[in-house]
Amino acid sequence: MSEETVDLKKWYVVRAVSGQENKIRDYMDSEINRLGFNDFVEDILVPTQKVVQIRNCLLYTSDAADE
């Protein structure tokens, strides 16, 4: 990747419906690949946090998108 291509990259924020973040990330990734914009988009990040729940005396952990 050339220096000029690296300089053209910028940060963008996309607001998504709660609970649909990963689905939208996958859709954006497939569209980027389909349209050939791989040189312009380096990564798509979805912030998550660990959620710990106790149900029936058992400990469950999962990742949830930050709000």
N, C-alpha and C. Protein backbone atom coordinates (compact mmCIF):
# COMPACT_ATOMS: atom_id res chain seq x y z
N MET A 1 0.85 -1.16 0.00
CA MET A 1 0.00 0.00 0.00
C MET A 1 0.90 1.24 0.00
N SER A 2 0.62 2.16 -0.85
CA SER A 2 1.46 3.33 -0.98
C SER A 2 1.18 4.34 0.14
N GLU A 3 2.09 5.28 0.31
CA GLU A 3 1.92 6.33 1.31
C GLU A 3 0.69 7.19 1.03
N GLU A 4 0.40 7.42 -0.25
CA GLU A 4 -0.76 8.24 -0.60
C GLU A 4 -2.06 7.58 -0.17
N THR A 5 -2.17 6.26 -0.31
CA THR A 5 -3.37 5.55 0.07
C THR A 5 -3.57 5.61 1.58
N VAL A 6 -2.49 5.48 2.34
CA VAL A 6 -2.58 5.53 3.79
C VAL A 6 -3.06 6.90 4.24
N ASP A 7 -2.61 7.96 3.60
CA ASP A 7 -2.99 9.31 3.98
C ASP A 7 -4.46 9.60 3.69
N LEU A 8 -5.09 8.88 2.79
CA LEU A 8 -6.48 9.13 2.43
C LEU A 8 -7.47 8.51 3.41
N LYS A 9 -7.03 7.64 4.29
CA LYS A 9 -7.94 6.97 5.22
C LYS A 9 -8.37 7.92 6.32
N LYS A 10 -9.67 7.87 6.66
CA LYS A 10 -10.24 8.71 7.71
C LYS A 10 -11.14 7.85 8.60
N TRP A 11 -11.51 8.39 9.75
CA TRP A 11 -12.41 7.72 10.68
C TRP A 11 -13.83 8.17 10.40
N TYR A 12 -14.77 7.23 10.47
CA TYR A 12 -16.19 7.53 10.34
C TYR A 12 -16.94 6.75 11.41
N VAL A 13 -18.07 7.30 11.85
CA VAL A 13 -18.91 6.65 12.85
C VAL A 13 -20.27 6.40 12.21
N VAL A 14 -20.79 5.19 12.38
CA VAL A 14 -22.10 4.83 11.86
C VAL A 14 -22.98 4.47 13.04
N ARG A 15 -24.13 5.10 13.13
CA ARG A 15 -25.09 4.74 14.17
C ARG A 15 -25.97 3.61 13.66
N ALA A 16 -26.17 2.61 14.51
CA ALA A 16 -26.96 1.44 14.12
C ALA A 16 -28.02 1.17 15.17
N VAL A 17 -29.04 0.44 14.75
CA VAL A 17 -30.09 0.02 15.67
C VAL A 17 -29.46 -0.93 16.70
N SER A 18 -29.82 -0.75 17.95
CA SER A 18 -29.27 -1.56 19.01
C SER A 18 -29.53 -3.04 18.75
N GLY A 19 -28.49 -3.84 18.87
CA GLY A 19 -28.60 -5.27 18.63
C GLY A 19 -28.31 -5.67 17.19
N GLN A 20 -28.16 -4.71 16.29
CA GLN A 20 -27.92 -5.00 14.88
C GLN A 20 -26.50 -4.64 14.44
N GLU A 21 -25.62 -4.31 15.38
CA GLU A 21 -24.29 -3.82 15.06
C GLU A 21 -23.47 -4.81 14.24
N ASN A 22 -23.45 -6.07 14.66
CA ASN A 22 -22.64 -7.07 13.96
C ASN A 22 -23.21 -7.37 12.57
N LYS A 23 -24.53 -7.37 12.45
CA LYS A 23 -25.17 -7.59 11.16
C LYS A 23 -24.79 -6.47 10.18
N ILE A 24 -24.80 -5.24 10.65
CA ILE A 24 -24.45 -4.10 9.81
C ILE A 24 -22.97 -4.12 9.46
N ARG A 25 -22.12 -4.51 10.42
CA ARG A 25 -20.69 -4.64 10.13
C ARG A 25 -20.45 -5.67 9.03
N ASP A 26 -21.13 -6.82 9.12
CA ASP A 26 -20.98 -7.86 8.09
C ASP A 26 -21.46 -7.36 6.74
N TYR A 27 -22.58 -6.62 6.71
CA TYR A 27 -23.10 -6.08 5.46
C TYR A 27 -22.12 -5.08 4.85
N MET A 28 -21.60 -4.17 5.70
CA MET A 28 -20.64 -3.19 5.21
C MET A 28 -19.39 -3.87 4.66
N ASP A 29 -18.92 -4.90 5.35
CA ASP A 29 -17.74 -5.63 4.91
C ASP A 29 -17.98 -6.30 3.55
N SER A 30 -19.15 -6.90 3.37
CA SER A 30 -19.44 -7.55 2.09
C SER A 30 -19.56 -6.54 0.96
N GLU A 31 -20.15 -5.37 1.23
CA GLU A 31 -20.27 -4.33 0.21
C GLU A 31 -18.89 -3.74 -0.15
N ILE A 32 -18.03 -3.58 0.83
CA ILE A 32 -16.68 -3.08 0.58
C ILE A 32 -15.93 -4.05 -0.33
N ASN A 33 -16.06 -5.34 -0.04
CA ASN A 33 -15.40 -6.35 -0.88
C ASN A 33 -16.01 -6.38 -2.28
N ARG A 34 -17.33 -6.31 -2.37
CA ARG A 34 -18.02 -6.39 -3.66
C ARG A 34 -17.67 -5.21 -4.55
N LEU A 35 -17.56 -4.01 -3.96
CA LEU A 35 -17.29 -2.81 -4.75
C LEU A 35 -15.80 -2.55 -4.95
N GLY A 36 -14.95 -3.34 -4.28
CA GLY A 36 -13.51 -3.20 -4.47
C GLY A 36 -12.89 -2.04 -3.73
N PHE A 37 -13.46 -1.67 -2.59
CA PHE A 37 -12.92 -0.56 -1.80
C PHE A 37 -12.00 -1.04 -0.68
N ASN A 38 -11.43 -2.22 -0.82
CA ASN A 38 -10.57 -2.78 0.23
C ASN A 38 -9.36 -1.90 0.53
N ASP A 39 -8.87 -1.17 -0.47
CA ASP A 39 -7.71 -0.30 -0.25
C ASP A 39 -8.07 0.93 0.56
N PHE A 40 -9.34 1.27 0.62
CA PHE A 40 -9.76 2.49 1.31
C PHE A 40 -10.28 2.24 2.72
N VAL A 41 -10.70 1.02 3.02
CA VAL A 41 -11.23 0.68 4.35
C VAL A 41 -10.32 -0.37 4.97
N GLU A 42 -9.69 0.01 6.06
CA GLU A 42 -8.76 -0.91 6.71
C GLU A 42 -9.47 -1.86 7.66
N ASP A 43 -10.41 -1.34 8.47
CA ASP A 43 -11.05 -2.17 9.48
C ASP A 43 -12.39 -1.56 9.86
N ILE A 44 -13.32 -2.41 10.28
CA ILE A 44 -14.61 -1.98 10.80
C ILE A 44 -14.67 -2.48 12.24
N LEU A 45 -14.81 -1.56 13.18
CA LEU A 45 -14.80 -1.91 14.59
C LEU A 45 -16.18 -1.75 15.21
N VAL A 46 -16.56 -2.70 16.04
CA VAL A 46 -17.80 -2.62 16.82
C VAL A 46 -17.39 -2.73 18.28
N PRO A 47 -17.56 -1.66 19.06
CA PRO A 47 -17.19 -1.73 20.47
C PRO A 47 -18.13 -2.66 21.25
N THR A 48 -17.55 -3.51 22.06
CA THR A 48 -18.34 -4.44 22.88
C THR A 48 -17.83 -4.42 24.31
N GLN A 49 -18.64 -4.95 25.19
CA GLN A 49 -18.24 -5.08 26.59
C GLN A 49 -18.69 -6.46 27.08
N LYS A 50 -17.97 -7.00 28.06
CA LYS A 50 -18.34 -8.28 28.64
C LYS A 50 -19.53 -8.08 29.56
N VAL A 51 -20.55 -8.93 29.41
CA VAL A 51 -21.73 -8.90 30.27
C VAL A 51 -21.76 -10.21 31.04
N VAL A 52 -21.87 -10.09 32.35
CA VAL A 52 -21.91 -11.27 33.22
C VAL A 52 -23.29 -11.34 33.84
N GLN A 53 -23.94 -12.50 33.71
CA GLN A 53 -25.27 -12.71 34.28
C GLN A 53 -25.25 -13.97 35.13
N ILE A 54 -26.06 -13.94 36.18
CA ILE A 54 -26.22 -15.13 37.02
C ILE A 54 -27.66 -15.58 36.89
N ARG A 55 -27.83 -16.81 36.37
CA ARG A 55 -29.17 -17.39 36.23
C ARG A 55 -29.14 -18.80 36.79
N ASN A 56 -30.08 -19.09 37.66
CA ASN A 56 -30.19 -20.43 38.26
C ASN A 56 -28.86 -20.85 38.87
N CYS A 57 -28.21 -19.93 39.55
CA CYS A 57 -26.94 -20.18 40.25
C CYS A 57 -25.80 -20.51 39.29
N LEU A 58 -25.92 -20.19 38.02
CA LEU A 58 -24.85 -20.41 37.05
C LEU A 58 -24.41 -19.06 36.49
N LEU A 59 -23.13 -18.95 36.22
CA LEU A 59 -22.54 -17.70 35.72
C LEU A 59 -22.45 -17.77 34.20
N TYR A 60 -23.04 -16.79 33.50
CA TYR A 60 -23.01 -16.71 32.04
C TYR A 60 -22.29 -15.42 31.64
N THR A 61 -21.38 -15.51 30.67
CA THR A 61 -20.73 -14.32 30.14
C THR A 61 -20.99 -14.24 28.65
N SER A 62 -21.12 -13.02 28.17
CA SER A 62 -21.32 -12.78 26.74
C SER A 62 -20.80 -11.41 26.40
N ASP A 63 -20.62 -11.16 25.10
CA ASP A 63 -20.23 -9.83 24.63
C ASP A 63 -21.48 -9.09 24.19
N ALA A 64 -21.56 -7.83 24.57
CA ALA A 64 -22.69 -6.98 24.17
C ALA A 64 -22.13 -5.69 23.62
N ALA A 65 -22.79 -5.13 22.64
CA ALA A 65 -22.34 -3.86 22.07
C ALA A 65 -22.55 -2.75 23.08
N ASP A 66 -21.59 -1.82 23.12
CA ASP A 66 -21.72 -0.67 24.01
C ASP A 66 -22.84 0.22 23.53
N GLU A 67 -23.50 0.88 24.46
CA GLU A 67 -24.54 1.83 24.10
C GLU A 67 -24.06 3.22 24.22
